[in-house]
């Protein structure tokens, strides 16, 4: 017979979250619930952070190399009389300098995007990570357009370029989407990260 039928006031029973039920065990000592990137490498947050840092370093190196090229072109132009350059040679150098400046601007923007992705992962921000996914898809679309629109590419070259783009951007999207999924499900958060942190090559410090 129920409490209502006995004339007693029913008492609501609150559901106990898993984390709360294990209050006697420190979060970092609890068993990991979330998945591991590629099945064994690291947690998704660490994967996004590591990928972002690699991209930032790569773009910095690329910007330095491009800036060095611009400087070299400027030096050559300043000494064009001594080098006996033709007008065509000077024009080619000028065009090359403009292209390198454009490359610097593009890499600077991409570096800002990588920094944005890094901050998004560190802050566990679903909104920012969603923006990262959108920007990755934009880059992927642009990469496909360049591969298809390039008239100098043969069919084989275009196919290889498309396959490389799919693999590269797929590997970049995978941990970002995985991180978004775990944050939305409540598995991954600032509070639970000591439990979810994982690396195959070192002991995560959280």
Protein backbone atom coordinates (compact mmCIF):
# COMPACT_ATOMS: atom_id res chain seq x y z
CA UNK A 1 0.00 0.00 0.00
CA UNK A 2 1.39 3.45 -0.96
CA UNK A 3 2.12 6.34 1.43
CA UNK A 4 -0.80 8.30 -0.04
CA UNK A 5 -3.22 5.48 0.70
CA UNK A 6 -1.87 5.32 4.27
CA UNK A 7 -2.52 9.01 4.66
CA UNK A 8 1.18 9.84 4.85
CA UNK A 9 2.85 12.66 2.96
CA UNK A 10 5.12 11.25 0.23
CA UNK A 11 8.75 12.31 0.43
CA UNK A 12 10.54 13.21 -2.81
CA UNK A 13 13.74 11.30 -3.42
CA UNK A 14 16.52 13.20 -5.17
CA UNK A 15 18.64 11.44 -7.75
CA UNK A 16 22.26 11.17 -6.69
CA UNK A 17 24.77 12.08 -9.45
CA UNK A 18 27.60 9.66 -10.02
CA UNK A 19 30.19 12.23 -8.99
CA UNK A 20 28.32 13.06 -5.80
CA UNK A 21 27.90 9.40 -4.94
CA UNK A 22 31.64 8.99 -5.04
CA UNK A 23 32.45 11.94 -2.80
CA UNK A 24 34.76 9.75 -0.76
CA UNK A 25 37.06 9.32 -3.76
CA UNK A 26 39.03 12.31 -5.11
CA UNK A 27 38.03 13.20 -8.67
CA UNK A 28 41.51 12.51 -10.05
CA UNK A 29 41.44 8.99 -8.56
CA UNK A 30 38.11 8.05 -10.12
CA UNK A 31 38.00 5.91 -13.24
CA UNK A 32 37.91 7.81 -16.53
CA UNK A 33 34.44 7.82 -18.13
CA UNK A 34 35.08 9.67 -21.40
CA UNK A 35 36.74 8.34 -24.54
CA UNK A 36 40.37 8.60 -25.58
CA UNK A 37 41.38 10.30 -28.82
CA UNK A 38 42.15 7.64 -31.45
CA UNK A 39 41.41 5.04 -28.79
CA UNK A 40 44.67 5.38 -26.86
CA UNK A 41 46.45 8.72 -27.29
CA UNK A 42 44.94 11.25 -24.88
CA UNK A 43 41.71 12.90 -23.82
CA UNK A 44 39.93 15.09 -26.38
CA UNK A 45 40.71 18.35 -24.60
CA UNK A 46 44.42 17.58 -24.54
CA UNK A 47 44.24 16.61 -28.23
CA UNK A 48 42.69 19.96 -29.18
CA UNK A 49 45.20 21.86 -27.04
CA UNK A 50 48.16 19.97 -28.51
CA UNK A 51 46.89 20.39 -32.07
CA UNK A 52 46.37 24.11 -31.54
CA UNK A 53 49.87 24.59 -30.13
CA UNK A 54 51.42 22.69 -33.05
CA UNK A 55 49.50 24.91 -35.49
CA UNK A 56 50.56 28.08 -33.66
CA UNK A 57 54.24 27.08 -33.76
CA UNK A 58 53.95 26.11 -37.45
CA UNK A 59 52.35 29.44 -38.39
CA UNK A 60 54.96 31.41 -36.44
CA UNK A 61 57.75 29.62 -38.31
CA UNK A 62 55.96 30.17 -41.64
CA UNK A 63 55.49 33.88 -40.90
CA UNK A 64 59.17 34.26 -39.99
CA UNK A 65 60.26 32.52 -43.20
CA UNK A 66 57.89 34.60 -45.33
CA UNK A 67 59.04 37.81 -43.63
CA UNK A 68 62.65 36.80 -44.29
CA UNK A 69 61.75 36.37 -47.96
CA UNK A 70 60.17 39.83 -48.07
CA UNK A 71 63.29 41.30 -46.50
CA UNK A 72 65.53 39.53 -49.00
CA UNK A 73 63.45 40.84 -51.91
CA UNK A 74 63.66 44.36 -50.51
CA UNK A 75 67.46 44.12 -50.26
CA UNK A 76 67.71 42.84 -53.84
CA UNK A 77 65.49 45.66 -55.11
CA UNK A 78 67.62 48.24 -53.31
CA UNK A 79 70.70 46.88 -55.07
CA UNK A 80 69.05 46.22 -58.43
CA UNK A 81 71.40 48.60 -60.24
CA UNK A 82 74.46 46.72 -59.01
CA UNK A 83 72.91 43.35 -59.81
CA UNK A 84 72.07 44.34 -63.37
CA UNK A 85 68.44 43.17 -63.14
CA UNK A 86 66.07 43.65 -66.03
CA UNK A 87 62.72 45.36 -65.63
CA UNK A 88 61.06 41.97 -65.92
CA UNK A 89 63.23 40.58 -63.11
CA UNK A 90 62.36 43.53 -60.89
CA UNK A 91 58.66 43.10 -61.62
CA UNK A 92 58.87 39.39 -60.76
CA UNK A 93 60.56 40.29 -57.48
CA UNK A 94 57.87 42.86 -56.72
CA UNK A 95 55.11 40.35 -57.46
CA UNK A 96 56.86 37.79 -55.27
CA UNK A 97 57.04 40.31 -52.44
CA UNK A 98 53.32 41.03 -52.68
CA UNK A 99 52.55 37.31 -52.63
CA UNK A 100 54.71 36.80 -49.55
CA UNK A 101 52.97 39.67 -47.75
CA UNK A 102 49.62 38.04 -48.58
CA UNK A 103 50.96 34.75 -47.20
CA UNK A 104 52.01 36.50 -43.98
CA UNK A 105 48.52 37.99 -43.56
CA UNK A 106 46.84 34.62 -44.19
CA UNK A 107 49.13 32.79 -41.76
CA UNK A 108 48.58 35.50 -39.15
CA UNK A 109 44.81 35.01 -39.43
CA UNK A 110 45.21 31.24 -39.21
CA UNK A 111 47.43 31.65 -36.16
CA UNK A 112 44.70 33.76 -34.51
CA UNK A 113 42.26 30.95 -35.30
CA UNK A 114 44.59 28.39 -33.68
CA UNK A 115 44.87 30.60 -30.58
CA UNK A 116 41.07 30.86 -30.51
CA UNK A 117 40.81 27.05 -30.66
CA UNK A 118 43.33 26.74 -27.83
CA UNK A 119 41.38 29.14 -25.61
CA UNK A 120 38.11 27.36 -26.47
CA UNK A 121 39.50 24.03 -25.29
CA UNK A 122 41.03 25.49 -22.13
CA UNK A 123 37.72 27.16 -21.23
CA UNK A 124 35.54 24.13 -22.07
CA UNK A 125 33.42 26.53 -24.17
CA UNK A 126 30.92 24.72 -26.39
CA UNK A 127 30.04 27.96 -28.18
CA UNK A 128 33.67 28.73 -29.03
CA UNK A 129 34.34 25.12 -30.03
CA UNK A 130 31.29 25.24 -32.30
CA UNK A 131 32.81 28.30 -33.97
CA UNK A 132 36.05 26.35 -34.37
CA UNK A 133 34.15 23.56 -36.17
CA UNK A 134 32.55 26.11 -38.51
CA UNK A 135 35.91 27.73 -39.33
CA UNK A 136 37.52 24.34 -39.96
CA UNK A 137 34.72 23.49 -42.39
CA UNK A 138 35.25 26.84 -44.14
CA UNK A 139 38.96 26.09 -44.51
CA UNK A 140 38.14 22.60 -45.75
CA UNK A 141 35.75 23.99 -48.36
CA UNK A 142 38.34 26.52 -49.51
CA UNK A 143 40.97 23.79 -49.74
CA UNK A 144 38.67 21.69 -51.93
CA UNK A 145 37.94 24.70 -54.13
CA UNK A 146 41.65 25.39 -54.66
CA UNK A 147 42.30 21.74 -55.51
CA UNK A 148 39.47 21.59 -58.04
CA UNK A 149 39.90 25.08 -59.54
CA UNK A 150 43.66 24.80 -60.10
CA UNK A 151 43.97 24.33 -63.86
CA UNK A 152 47.62 23.25 -63.57
CA UNK A 153 46.64 20.15 -61.59
CA UNK A 154 46.16 16.85 -63.36
CA UNK A 155 43.27 14.58 -62.39
CA UNK A 156 45.60 12.49 -60.23
CA UNK A 157 47.05 15.55 -58.50
CA UNK A 158 43.58 16.94 -57.81
CA UNK A 159 42.44 13.60 -56.38
CA UNK A 160 45.49 13.33 -54.12
CA UNK A 161 45.02 16.93 -52.96
CA UNK A 162 41.37 16.28 -52.10
CA UNK A 163 42.22 13.08 -50.21
CA UNK A 164 44.94 14.86 -48.22
CA UNK A 165 42.51 17.67 -47.35
CA UNK A 166 39.85 15.20 -46.20
CA UNK A 167 42.34 13.36 -43.98
CA UNK A 168 43.97 16.51 -42.56
CA UNK A 169 40.77 18.39 -41.75
CA UNK A 170 39.06 15.19 -40.61
CA UNK A 171 41.83 14.59 -38.07
CA UNK A 172 41.44 18.19 -36.88
CA UNK A 173 37.65 18.01 -36.64
CA UNK A 174 37.59 14.67 -34.83
CA UNK A 175 38.94 15.76 -31.40
CA UNK A 176 37.03 19.06 -31.50
CA UNK A 177 33.70 17.33 -32.10
CA UNK A 178 34.61 14.69 -29.51
CA UNK A 179 35.32 17.41 -26.94
CA UNK A 180 32.04 19.18 -27.70
CA UNK A 181 30.14 15.91 -27.28
CA UNK A 182 31.73 15.14 -23.91
CA UNK A 183 31.20 18.67 -22.59
CA UNK A 184 27.52 18.61 -23.60
CA UNK A 185 27.01 15.21 -21.96
CA UNK A 186 28.54 16.47 -18.72
CA UNK A 187 31.41 13.99 -18.85
CA UNK A 188 34.03 16.67 -19.50
CA UNK A 189 34.11 19.89 -17.49
CA UNK A 190 36.49 21.96 -15.42
CA UNK A 191 35.33 20.03 -12.35
CA UNK A 192 35.61 16.55 -13.87
CA UNK A 193 38.79 17.09 -15.90
CA UNK A 194 41.07 15.69 -13.17
CA UNK A 195 39.19 12.42 -13.72
CA UNK A 196 39.09 12.65 -17.52
CA UNK A 197 42.68 13.79 -18.10
CA UNK A 198 44.72 11.15 -19.93
CA UNK A 199 47.92 10.93 -21.92
CA UNK A 200 49.62 7.86 -23.31
CA UNK A 201 53.11 9.33 -22.93
CA UNK A 202 53.05 11.21 -19.62
CA UNK A 203 51.14 11.70 -16.39
CA UNK A 204 48.77 14.67 -16.87
CA UNK A 205 49.18 17.42 -14.28
CA UNK A 206 45.75 18.79 -13.40
